[in-house]
Amino acid sequence: MFSFVDIQLALLLSAAVLLARGQGEDDVPPGGCTLDGKVYKDKSEWKPKPCRTCFCEGGSVMCNEVICVVTPNCDYPKGECCPICPDDGTPP
């Protein structure tokens, strides 16, 4: 059976492992960024939403909203921001 000292030692070792792993901002690579709790490498690009593109540069996150031209007779595919029109000019 475990003695009180063994339990204390096990708890101490567990705490040391958790501290060694690190948490939060320490997990960000050099030049990397965090946004909404997610970590991104420097120079990476991602789309958090269909109409938004973000870029990590030197620890700073820059995001841009995509602006679409409103076009009649075009479809808005799921997951896309802007409409896609048929090539032949006929309405969908």
Protein backbone atom coordinates (compact mmCIF):
# COMPACT_ATOMS: atom_id res chain seq x y z
CA MET A 1 0.00 0.00 0.00
CA PHE A 2 0.99 3.57 -0.49
CA SER A 3 2.12 5.56 2.49
CA PHE A 4 1.35 9.23 2.99
CA VAL A 5 4.89 10.08 1.80
CA ASP A 6 4.40 8.05 -1.40
CA ILE A 7 1.17 9.93 -2.18
CA GLN A 8 2.85 13.27 -1.58
CA LEU A 9 5.72 12.27 -3.86
CA ALA A 10 3.29 11.16 -6.60
CA LEU A 11 1.42 14.48 -6.39
CA LEU A 12 4.67 16.43 -6.48
CA LEU A 13 5.87 14.53 -9.54
CA SER A 14 2.51 15.05 -11.28
CA ALA A 15 2.70 18.79 -10.64
CA ALA A 16 6.26 18.90 -11.98
CA VAL A 17 5.19 17.17 -15.19
CA LEU A 18 2.33 19.64 -15.71
CA LEU A 19 4.64 22.60 -15.18
CA ALA A 20 7.25 21.16 -17.56
CA ARG A 21 4.63 20.77 -20.30
CA GLY A 22 3.74 24.45 -20.12
CA GLN A 23 0.39 26.03 -20.74
CA GLY A 24 -1.04 29.00 -22.66
CA GLU A 25 1.22 31.61 -24.22
CA ASP A 26 4.37 29.56 -23.63
CA ASP A 27 3.15 27.10 -26.29
CA VAL A 28 3.27 29.74 -29.06
CA PRO A 29 6.23 29.18 -31.41
CA PRO A 30 8.63 32.12 -31.98
CA GLY A 31 6.85 34.70 -34.15
CA GLY A 32 3.61 32.70 -33.84
CA CYS A 33 0.16 33.99 -33.00
CA THR A 34 -2.92 33.04 -31.03
CA LEU A 35 -6.51 33.80 -31.98
CA ASP A 36 -9.60 32.47 -30.22
CA GLY A 37 -7.45 30.05 -28.21
CA LYS A 38 -5.77 28.52 -31.27
CA VAL A 39 -2.03 28.74 -31.98
CA TYR A 40 -0.73 29.53 -35.48
CA LYS A 41 2.81 29.48 -36.87
CA ASP A 42 4.44 32.63 -38.22
CA LYS A 43 3.46 33.29 -41.87
CA SER A 44 0.44 30.95 -41.70
CA GLU A 45 -2.91 31.87 -43.25
CA TRP A 46 -6.36 30.55 -42.29
CA LYS A 47 -10.08 31.24 -42.73
CA PRO A 48 -11.93 31.34 -39.38
CA LYS A 49 -15.16 32.09 -41.31
CA PRO A 50 -16.02 31.79 -45.00
CA CYS A 51 -15.79 35.57 -45.55
CA ARG A 52 -12.75 36.22 -43.36
CA THR A 53 -9.07 35.49 -43.98
CA CYS A 54 -6.42 35.84 -41.27
CA PHE A 55 -2.63 35.90 -41.46
CA CYS A 56 0.03 35.58 -38.72
CA GLU A 57 3.11 37.72 -39.10
CA GLY A 58 5.72 38.22 -36.41
CA GLY A 59 3.32 37.57 -33.55
CA SER A 60 0.53 39.79 -34.89
CA VAL A 61 -2.74 38.57 -36.37
CA MET A 62 -4.16 40.50 -39.31
CA CYS A 63 -7.65 39.64 -40.59
CA ASN A 64 -9.51 40.90 -43.64
CA GLU A 65 -13.15 40.59 -44.57
CA VAL A 66 -13.82 39.39 -48.11
CA ILE A 67 -16.04 41.77 -50.07
CA CYS A 68 -18.14 40.19 -52.81
CA VAL A 69 -19.87 41.76 -55.75
CA VAL A 70 -23.60 41.16 -55.48
CA THR A 71 -24.55 39.33 -58.66
CA PRO A 72 -28.07 38.20 -59.57
CA ASN A 73 -28.68 34.63 -60.78
CA CYS A 74 -25.65 33.19 -59.02
CA ASP A 75 -25.41 30.48 -56.37
CA TYR A 76 -23.86 30.78 -52.92
CA PRO A 77 -22.29 27.34 -52.36
CA LYS A 78 -22.16 26.13 -48.76
CA GLY A 79 -18.93 27.25 -47.09
CA GLU A 80 -18.19 29.85 -49.75
CA CYS A 81 -18.32 33.58 -49.17
CA CYS A 82 -18.96 34.92 -52.65
CA PRO A 83 -21.43 33.69 -55.26
CA ILE A 84 -20.35 31.46 -58.10
CA CYS A 85 -22.00 32.20 -61.43
CA PRO A 86 -22.53 29.74 -64.28
CA ASP A 87 -19.98 30.06 -67.09
CA ASP A 88 -22.54 29.93 -69.88
CA GLY A 89 -24.49 32.99 -68.71
CA THR A 90 -27.74 31.11 -68.07
CA PRO A 91 -29.44 31.50 -64.70
CA PRO A 92 -28.97 28.56 -62.30
